[in-house]
Protein backbone atom coordinates (compact mmCIF):
# COMPACT_ATOMS: atom_id res chain seq x y z
CA MET A 1 0.10 0.19 -0.42
CA ALA A 2 1.54 3.38 -1.17
CA LYS A 3 1.86 5.76 1.79
CA LYS A 4 -0.09 9.07 2.69
CA LYS A 5 1.39 12.63 2.11
CA VAL A 6 2.30 15.10 3.28
CA VAL A 7 3.31 18.05 3.40
CA VAL A 8 4.86 19.81 6.95
CA ALA A 9 5.23 23.83 7.05
CA PHE A 10 8.56 23.08 7.58
CA SER A 11 11.06 26.87 8.87
CA GLY A 12 13.58 24.33 10.15
CA GLY A 13 13.11 25.41 13.92
CA LEU A 14 12.82 22.82 16.49
CA ASP A 15 8.58 22.50 16.25
CA THR A 16 8.39 21.84 12.87
CA SER A 17 11.63 19.53 12.85
CA TYR A 18 10.26 17.13 15.45
CA THR A 19 7.34 17.34 13.11
CA VAL A 20 9.84 16.85 10.01
CA MET A 21 10.97 13.68 11.35
CA LYS A 22 7.87 12.07 13.64
CA LEU A 23 5.76 11.59 10.75
CA THR A 24 8.17 10.05 8.87
CA GLN A 25 8.92 7.71 11.53
CA ASP A 26 5.09 7.44 11.97
CA GLY A 27 4.69 6.16 8.20
CA TRP A 28 4.24 8.84 6.10
CA ASP A 29 5.99 10.33 2.98
CA VAL A 30 6.90 13.73 4.00
CA TYR A 31 6.94 16.85 1.62
CA ALA A 32 8.88 19.28 4.00
CA ALA A 33 7.70 22.73 2.45
CA CYS A 34 10.13 26.55 3.59
CA ALA A 35 6.91 29.52 2.00
CA ASN A 36 9.50 32.24 1.84
CA THR A 37 8.02 35.48 2.14
CA GLY A 38 11.01 37.15 2.34
CA GLY A 39 12.71 36.59 6.22
CA PHE A 40 14.98 33.13 4.82
CA ASN A 41 18.12 34.50 3.10
CA GLU A 42 19.63 31.23 1.24
CA GLU A 43 22.27 30.32 3.22
CA GLN A 44 19.47 29.29 5.95
CA LEU A 45 17.27 27.55 2.84
CA LYS A 46 19.86 25.28 2.06
CA VAL A 47 20.43 24.78 5.28
CA ASN A 48 16.85 23.58 6.16
CA GLU A 49 17.15 21.58 2.20
CA GLU A 50 19.80 19.55 4.11
CA ASN A 51 17.81 19.34 7.67
CA ALA A 52 14.92 18.20 6.12
CA TYR A 53 16.86 15.07 3.99
CA LYS A 54 18.20 14.18 7.24
CA LEU A 55 15.34 14.57 9.32
CA GLY A 56 14.05 11.84 6.97
CA ALA A 57 11.70 14.59 4.33
CA VAL A 58 10.82 12.37 0.14
CA LYS A 59 11.82 15.75 -1.00
CA TYR A 60 11.76 19.77 0.28
CA VAL A 61 10.76 22.70 -1.59
CA THR A 62 10.96 26.32 -1.04
CA LEU A 63 8.32 28.35 -2.12
CA ASP A 64 9.15 31.94 -2.14
CA VAL A 65 6.42 33.77 -2.44
CA THR A 66 7.65 37.41 -1.58
CA GLN A 67 6.30 38.53 -4.25
CA GLU A 68 2.95 37.64 -4.82
CA TYR A 69 3.41 38.59 -0.16
CA TYR A 70 4.23 42.83 -1.83
CA GLU A 71 1.55 42.21 -4.64
CA LYS A 72 -1.43 41.30 -2.62
CA SER A 73 -0.48 42.46 0.70
CA LEU A 74 2.05 44.73 1.89
CA LYS A 75 1.50 46.87 -1.64
CA TYR A 76 -1.64 47.68 0.44
CA MET A 77 -1.14 47.54 3.62
CA ILE A 78 1.36 50.83 2.46
CA TYR A 79 -1.65 52.31 0.38
CA GLY A 80 -3.63 52.41 4.12
CA ASN A 81 -0.60 53.47 6.16
CA VAL A 82 -1.43 50.10 8.34
CA MET A 83 -0.03 50.78 12.22
CA ARG A 84 -2.21 48.21 14.47
CA ASN A 85 -2.64 50.13 17.45
CA ASN A 86 -1.45 52.60 15.69
CA CYS A 87 2.18 51.18 16.69
CA TYR A 88 2.58 47.97 14.90
CA PRO A 89 3.06 47.32 11.14
CA ILE A 90 1.52 44.06 11.28
CA SER A 91 5.43 42.43 10.15
CA VAL A 92 5.05 38.74 10.39
CA SER A 93 1.46 37.72 11.43
CA SER A 94 0.64 39.50 7.60
CA GLU A 95 3.22 36.83 6.00
CA ARG A 96 1.77 33.85 7.95
CA ILE A 97 -1.30 34.21 5.66
CA PHE A 98 0.89 34.02 1.57
CA GLN A 99 3.31 31.17 4.04
CA ALA A 100 -0.41 29.19 4.88
CA ILE A 101 -1.42 30.02 0.73
CA ALA A 102 1.47 28.76 -1.05
CA ILE A 103 1.43 25.68 2.07
CA ALA A 104 -2.19 24.73 0.88
CA ARG A 105 -1.64 25.14 -3.22
CA TYR A 106 1.26 22.91 -2.93
CA ALA A 107 -0.45 20.45 -1.07
CA ASN A 108 -3.16 20.70 -3.70
CA GLU A 109 -0.76 20.38 -6.52
CA ILE A 110 0.67 17.10 -5.06
CA GLN A 111 -2.64 16.23 -3.57
CA ALA A 112 -1.20 15.07 -0.17
CA ASP A 113 -3.60 13.77 2.67
CA ALA A 114 -2.79 15.82 5.02
CA ILE A 115 -0.55 19.13 6.09
CA ALA A 116 1.37 19.38 9.13
CA HIS A 117 2.89 22.98 11.00
CA GLY A 118 4.80 23.76 14.48
CA SER A 119 2.29 25.84 16.00
CA THR A 120 1.39 25.51 20.09
CA GLY A 121 -1.74 26.06 21.35
CA ALA A 122 -1.32 29.56 22.47
CA GLY A 123 -0.84 31.59 20.01
CA ASN A 124 -2.50 33.31 16.78
CA ASP A 125 -0.34 31.52 14.11
CA GLN A 126 -2.37 27.96 15.25
CA ILE A 127 -5.22 29.82 13.92
CA ARG A 128 -3.72 31.51 10.43
CA PHE A 129 -2.01 28.35 9.47
CA ASP A 130 -5.65 26.00 10.08
CA MET A 131 -8.48 28.31 8.34
CA THR A 132 -6.45 29.10 5.41
CA PHE A 133 -5.81 25.13 4.72
CA LEU A 134 -9.70 24.53 5.79
CA VAL A 135 -10.58 26.88 2.77
CA MET A 136 -7.74 26.51 0.44
CA ALA A 137 -7.46 22.71 1.22
CA PRO A 138 -10.84 21.55 2.34
CA GLY A 139 -10.73 17.57 2.76
CA VAL A 140 -6.83 17.58 3.99
CA GLU A 141 -6.07 16.09 6.90
CA ILE A 142 -4.34 18.90 9.08
CA ILE A 143 -1.71 17.76 12.36
CA THR A 144 -0.03 19.78 14.78
CA LEU A 145 1.34 17.32 16.76
CA THR A 146 3.19 20.01 19.13
CA ARG A 147 -0.43 21.45 19.65
CA ASP A 148 -2.18 18.25 20.31
CA GLN A 149 0.38 16.43 22.39
CA ALA A 150 1.34 19.41 23.84
CA LEU A 151 4.72 18.85 24.05
CA SER A 152 7.32 20.20 25.52
CA ARG A 153 10.65 21.25 24.56
CA LYS A 154 12.64 18.41 26.11
CA GLU A 155 10.31 16.31 24.70
CA GLU A 156 10.93 16.84 21.19
CA VAL A 157 14.95 17.83 21.42
CA ASP A 158 15.27 14.08 22.84
CA TYR A 159 13.41 12.36 20.28
CA LEU A 160 15.43 14.41 17.81
CA ASN A 161 18.54 13.07 19.26
CA ASP A 162 17.35 9.49 19.75
CA HIS A 163 16.85 9.17 16.70
CA GLY A 164 20.00 10.96 15.69
CA PHE A 165 19.50 14.34 14.28
CA TYR A 166 21.54 16.35 16.69
CA ALA A 167 20.83 20.79 15.86
CA ASP A 168 21.34 23.81 18.56
CA PHE A 169 17.86 24.04 19.68
CA THR A 170 19.02 25.60 23.35
CA LYS A 171 16.42 27.79 23.97
CA LEU A 172 17.31 31.63 23.79
CA LYS A 173 16.51 34.08 25.95
CA TYR A 174 14.88 36.33 23.49
CA SER A 175 12.96 34.12 20.10
CA TYR A 176 13.08 36.58 16.80
CA ASN A 177 10.91 36.20 13.92
CA VAL A 178 12.50 37.76 10.48
CA GLY A 179 11.09 38.97 7.84
CA ILE A 180 10.64 41.27 4.62
CA TRP A 181 8.56 43.92 6.81
CA GLY A 182 9.38 43.56 10.62
CA THR A 183 11.43 41.72 12.94
CA SER A 184 9.63 40.69 15.71
CA ILE A 185 10.98 39.78 19.27
CA CYS A 186 9.97 37.85 22.12
CA GLY A 187 10.85 36.32 25.84
CA GLY A 188 12.73 37.95 27.99
CA GLU A 189 12.13 41.36 29.21
CA ILE A 190 9.07 41.53 26.91
CA LEU A 191 7.49 39.53 29.60
CA ASP A 192 7.85 42.08 32.52
CA PRO A 193 5.14 44.96 31.21
CA THR A 194 7.53 46.93 33.28
CA GLN A 195 10.23 46.69 31.43
CA GLY A 196 11.57 47.32 27.59
CA LEU A 197 14.61 45.52 25.63
CA PRO A 198 18.55 46.37 26.23
CA GLU A 199 20.41 47.14 23.56
CA GLU A 200 21.95 43.89 22.90
CA ALA A 201 18.42 42.11 22.08
CA TYR A 202 18.08 44.18 18.91
CA LEU A 203 19.41 42.33 15.95
CA LYS A 204 20.16 45.69 14.41
CA HIS A 205 22.32 48.73 15.64
CA VAL A 206 23.24 51.91 14.97
CA THR A 207 26.83 52.00 12.53
CA SER A 208 25.93 55.80 10.24
CA ASP A 209 29.14 56.96 11.33
CA LYS A 210 26.81 60.67 9.72
CA ALA A 211 24.68 62.37 12.52
CA GLU A 212 21.68 62.19 10.89
CA GLU A 213 20.92 61.70 6.79
CA GLU A 214 18.29 62.96 5.14
CA LEU A 215 16.37 60.72 3.06
CA LYS A 216 14.22 60.91 -0.08
CA ILE A 217 10.81 58.21 -0.90
CA THR A 218 9.21 58.73 -4.39
CA PHE A 219 5.78 57.41 -4.68
CA LYS A 220 3.85 57.15 -7.99
CA ASN A 221 0.66 56.53 -7.42
CA GLY A 222 0.96 55.12 -3.74
CA GLU A 223 3.79 53.34 -4.76
CA ILE A 224 7.50 53.03 -4.49
CA THR A 225 9.36 54.39 -6.79
CA ALA A 226 12.75 55.84 -6.12
CA VAL A 227 15.27 56.03 -3.53
CA ASN A 228 17.20 58.83 -3.01
CA GLY A 229 16.60 59.08 -6.94
CA GLU A 230 17.16 55.57 -7.03
CA GLU A 231 15.20 54.10 -8.93
CA PHE A 232 13.67 51.13 -8.33
CA GLU A 233 11.08 48.37 -10.98
CA ASP A 234 11.39 45.80 -8.03
CA LYS A 235 9.26 46.96 -5.17
CA ILE A 236 10.70 44.45 -3.18
CA LYS A 237 14.49 45.65 -3.08
CA ALA A 238 12.88 49.16 -2.85
CA ILE A 239 11.98 48.39 0.54
CA GLN A 240 14.98 46.26 1.15
CA LYS A 241 17.48 49.61 0.86
CA ILE A 242 15.35 51.72 2.92
CA GLU A 243 15.45 48.88 5.80
CA GLU A 244 19.43 48.97 5.19
CA ILE A 245 19.25 53.29 5.58
CA GLY A 246 17.58 53.09 8.16
CA ALA A 247 18.41 49.83 10.13
CA SER A 248 21.88 51.90 9.99
CA TYR A 249 20.59 54.15 12.31
CA ALA A 250 18.30 51.48 14.28
CA ILE A 251 14.87 53.61 13.23
CA GLY A 252 12.09 51.67 13.96
CA ARG A 253 12.54 49.72 17.44
CA ASP A 254 9.47 49.96 18.83
CA CYS A 255 6.96 47.39 21.46
CA ASN A 256 3.38 46.55 21.29
CA VAL A 257 0.74 45.39 24.01
CA GLY A 258 -2.85 43.88 21.82
CA ASP A 259 -5.63 41.39 21.56
CA THR A 260 -4.46 37.96 20.31
CA ILE A 261 -7.46 36.59 17.92
CA ILE A 262 -7.46 33.60 20.92
CA GLY A 263 -8.89 36.69 23.19
CA ILE A 264 -5.88 37.63 25.82
CA LYS A 265 -3.76 40.37 25.49
CA GLY A 266 -0.30 39.84 23.67
CA ARG A 267 3.39 42.17 24.32
CA VAL A 268 5.50 41.66 21.10
CA ALA A 269 8.65 44.39 20.57
CA PHE A 270 10.19 44.38 17.06
CA GLU A 271 11.97 46.39 14.98
CA ALA A 272 10.81 47.53 11.66
CA ALA A 273 13.27 50.11 9.60
CA ALA A 274 11.20 50.21 6.48
CA PRO A 275 7.80 49.93 7.27
CA LYS A 276 7.50 52.85 9.83
CA LEU A 277 9.36 54.86 7.16
CA ILE A 278 7.91 54.24 4.47
CA ILE A 279 5.06 54.77 6.25
CA GLU A 280 4.94 57.41 7.51
CA ALA A 281 6.81 59.15 4.30
CA HIS A 282 3.41 57.92 2.48
CA ARG A 283 0.85 59.51 5.23
CA LEU A 284 3.13 62.68 4.90
CA LEU A 285 2.53 63.08 1.05
CA GLU A 286 -1.06 61.47 1.20
CA LYS A 287 -1.59 64.72 3.57
CA SER A 288 -0.97 67.05 0.99
CA THR A 289 -2.17 65.31 -2.27
CA LEU A 290 -5.82 63.73 -0.72
CA SER A 291 -9.38 65.33 0.34
CA LYS A 292 -10.27 65.41 4.21
CA TRP A 293 -12.59 63.16 3.57
CA GLN A 294 -10.08 60.76 1.05
CA GLN A 295 -7.63 60.63 4.00
CA TYR A 296 -10.57 60.09 6.84
CA TRP A 297 -11.96 57.30 4.51
CA LYS A 298 -8.79 55.86 4.03
CA ASP A 299 -8.38 55.64 7.53
CA GLN A 300 -11.96 54.32 8.59
CA VAL A 301 -10.88 51.02 6.00
CA ALA A 302 -7.36 50.70 6.53
CA ASN A 303 -8.25 49.88 10.10
CA TRP A 304 -10.35 47.22 9.39
CA TYR A 305 -8.03 45.47 6.56
CA GLY A 306 -4.92 45.40 9.14
CA MET A 307 -6.94 44.06 11.52
CA PHE A 308 -8.68 41.07 9.18
CA LEU A 309 -5.10 40.71 7.92
CA HIS A 310 -3.87 40.28 11.53
CA GLU A 311 -6.73 37.41 12.84
CA SER A 312 -6.63 35.65 9.40
CA GLN A 313 -9.50 37.23 7.62
CA TYR A 314 -7.27 37.51 4.43
CA LEU A 315 -9.81 35.58 3.02
CA GLU A 316 -13.05 36.81 3.58
CA PRO A 317 -14.61 38.27 0.87
CA VAL A 318 -14.48 42.20 1.72
CA MET A 319 -10.67 42.29 1.53
CA PRO A 320 -10.52 42.93 -1.87
CA ASP A 321 -13.21 45.45 -1.77
CA ILE A 322 -10.77 47.43 0.44
CA GLU A 323 -7.87 47.15 -2.07
CA ALA A 324 -10.21 48.54 -4.79
CA PHE A 325 -11.07 51.75 -2.44
CA LEU A 326 -7.24 51.61 -1.08
CA THR A 327 -6.41 51.63 -4.83
CA SER A 328 -8.38 54.28 -6.24
CA SER A 329 -7.25 56.92 -3.42
CA GLN A 330 -3.87 56.96 -4.64
CA ARG A 331 -4.19 58.25 -7.98
CA HIS A 332 -3.05 61.23 -7.01
CA VAL A 333 -0.37 60.16 -4.87
CA ASN A 334 2.53 60.76 -6.47
CA GLY A 335 5.63 62.58 -5.90
CA THR A 336 8.70 62.78 -3.43
CA ALA A 337 8.21 62.61 0.76
CA ILE A 338 11.81 63.86 2.80
CA LEU A 339 12.85 62.00 5.61
CA LYS A 340 15.75 63.60 8.49
CA LEU A 341 17.16 60.29 9.97
CA ARG A 342 19.05 60.26 13.52
CA PRO A 343 20.34 57.08 15.47
CA TYR A 344 17.19 55.42 16.89
CA SER A 345 14.93 58.82 15.55
CA PHE A 346 13.88 60.45 12.12
CA GLN A 347 11.11 63.72 11.50
CA THR A 348 9.40 64.07 8.57
CA VAL A 349 10.28 67.15 7.11
CA GLY A 350 8.07 67.79 3.10
CA VAL A 351 7.26 66.91 0.42
CA ASP A 352 8.33 67.69 -3.49
CA SER A 353 4.52 66.89 -5.97
CA ASP A 354 2.82 68.43 -8.40
CA ASP A 355 -0.43 67.31 -6.53
CA ASP A 356 0.13 69.44 -3.61
CA LEU A 357 -3.09 70.70 -3.07
CA THR A 358 -1.23 73.17 -0.45
CA LYS A 359 -0.14 75.03 -3.97
CA SER A 360 -3.15 75.80 -4.55
CA LYS A 361 -4.06 79.12 -5.94
CA LEU A 362 -6.93 80.13 -3.66
CA GLY A 363 -5.17 81.52 -0.47
CA GLU A 364 -2.21 80.72 1.23
CA TYR A 365 -3.10 79.09 5.11
CA GLY A 366 -2.70 81.80 7.82
CA GLU A 367 -0.72 84.55 4.65
CA MET A 368 -3.29 85.75 2.30
CA ASN A 369 -7.06 84.90 0.58
CA HIS A 370 -7.69 85.16 -3.50
CA GLY A 371 -10.73 83.45 -3.77
CA TRP A 372 -13.04 84.98 -1.31
CA THR A 373 -13.12 88.10 0.13
CA ALA A 374 -13.33 89.12 3.71
CA ASP A 375 -17.46 89.84 3.54
CA ASP A 376 -17.63 85.96 2.10
CA ALA A 377 -15.79 84.90 4.83
CA LYS A 378 -17.46 86.80 7.36
CA GLY A 379 -21.04 85.20 6.10
CA PHE A 380 -19.61 81.67 5.54
CA ILE A 381 -18.63 82.04 9.36
CA LYS A 382 -21.93 83.15 10.62
CA LEU A 383 -23.68 80.35 8.77
CA SER A 384 -21.40 77.50 9.93
CA ALA A 385 -22.50 78.97 13.84
CA THR A 386 -26.81 78.62 13.04
CA PRO A 387 -27.42 75.46 14.13
CA LEU A 388 -24.83 76.58 17.24
CA ARG A 389 -27.01 79.98 17.89
CA VAL A 390 -30.16 78.43 17.62
CA PHE A 391 -29.33 75.56 20.27
CA TYR A 392 -28.20 78.01 22.85
CA GLY A 393 -30.50 80.41 21.72
CA MET A 394 -33.28 77.74 23.03
CA HIS A 395 -31.05 76.67 26.47
CA PRO A 396 -28.86 79.83 27.40
CA ASP A 397 -28.89 77.88 30.66
CA GLU A 398 -25.77 75.94 28.47
CA ARG A 399 -23.28 78.45 27.43
CA LYS A 400 -20.60 77.21 28.49
């Protein structure tokens, strides 16, 4: 009888390494699939492949969905200036959805009987993986050994060692999830709500020898086209360039406390130079190129877009509708935003745009009006005050 096929969402960490070996020992044909959304470099992917075969996988594949992640998510998060709790750029959590979609597609392609992942029962990722698999690969069994058996790290390490696989799975003080849209940091001082992380906990430190530096990011229809005058066709490379510049000043560090999908509060530190710089540059340009109500309604739907991404609702049918609105809002978001970078901080400076609405000939704020007269202004003010005059005329005792 032919063995059953199982696709393991393989990151190379302890939980997924245990899953590959245990399922192999249990008689499955294991296909280890690493879905890369920009967080793995070539060396890491090579080590993943070597280890997958040592663990017993019959096949290893890297599923590179970095460009898809940009086109179907990052682009809209930039359009919407999406920051969860006005703080966290929804870094690794948004990547999980696209990793899960890639894994489900691969499982369907090879007609797998099951999909396995290494999530525990205490986090958000179990929901992101399971929900995506249920929708994208209906009828395919979902296996989660770490969650279902409540396995400890020691149990998993001992099992791997007993079966001849040795790797450094030492539990470090901090755990890191590195992605194209930022790095999340858990553990250590983060577990104490009164503390922040020390300098040594971060992966990127001040390396620039400049006291300050100007950064210019150019957008066309809301998408990055140039960084400091250097044009980029590949948006991923543009993001990486901004990350390189911003990280040299250790920009983008913060700590977020938020509500998890399962209902408890979660605290996570992160460093995300590129997202912080790109979103604030984009927001600055929008202030000058969008109308008041475009900005207002875009903020409303973008907040929902970010929440749905975070809470594993990316496949909700309303998401393309929100994306259509966000795309339409970007038709005049053209020009260059200018930022000034310093160690650990940055400030917005100004914009250079042909679509800058502050260039209107009708008037200069606080200086001179050209499109209306003094009498027009006084009439406008009087009419605007009419509802208040009506109310307080009837209720003078409520005047403050």
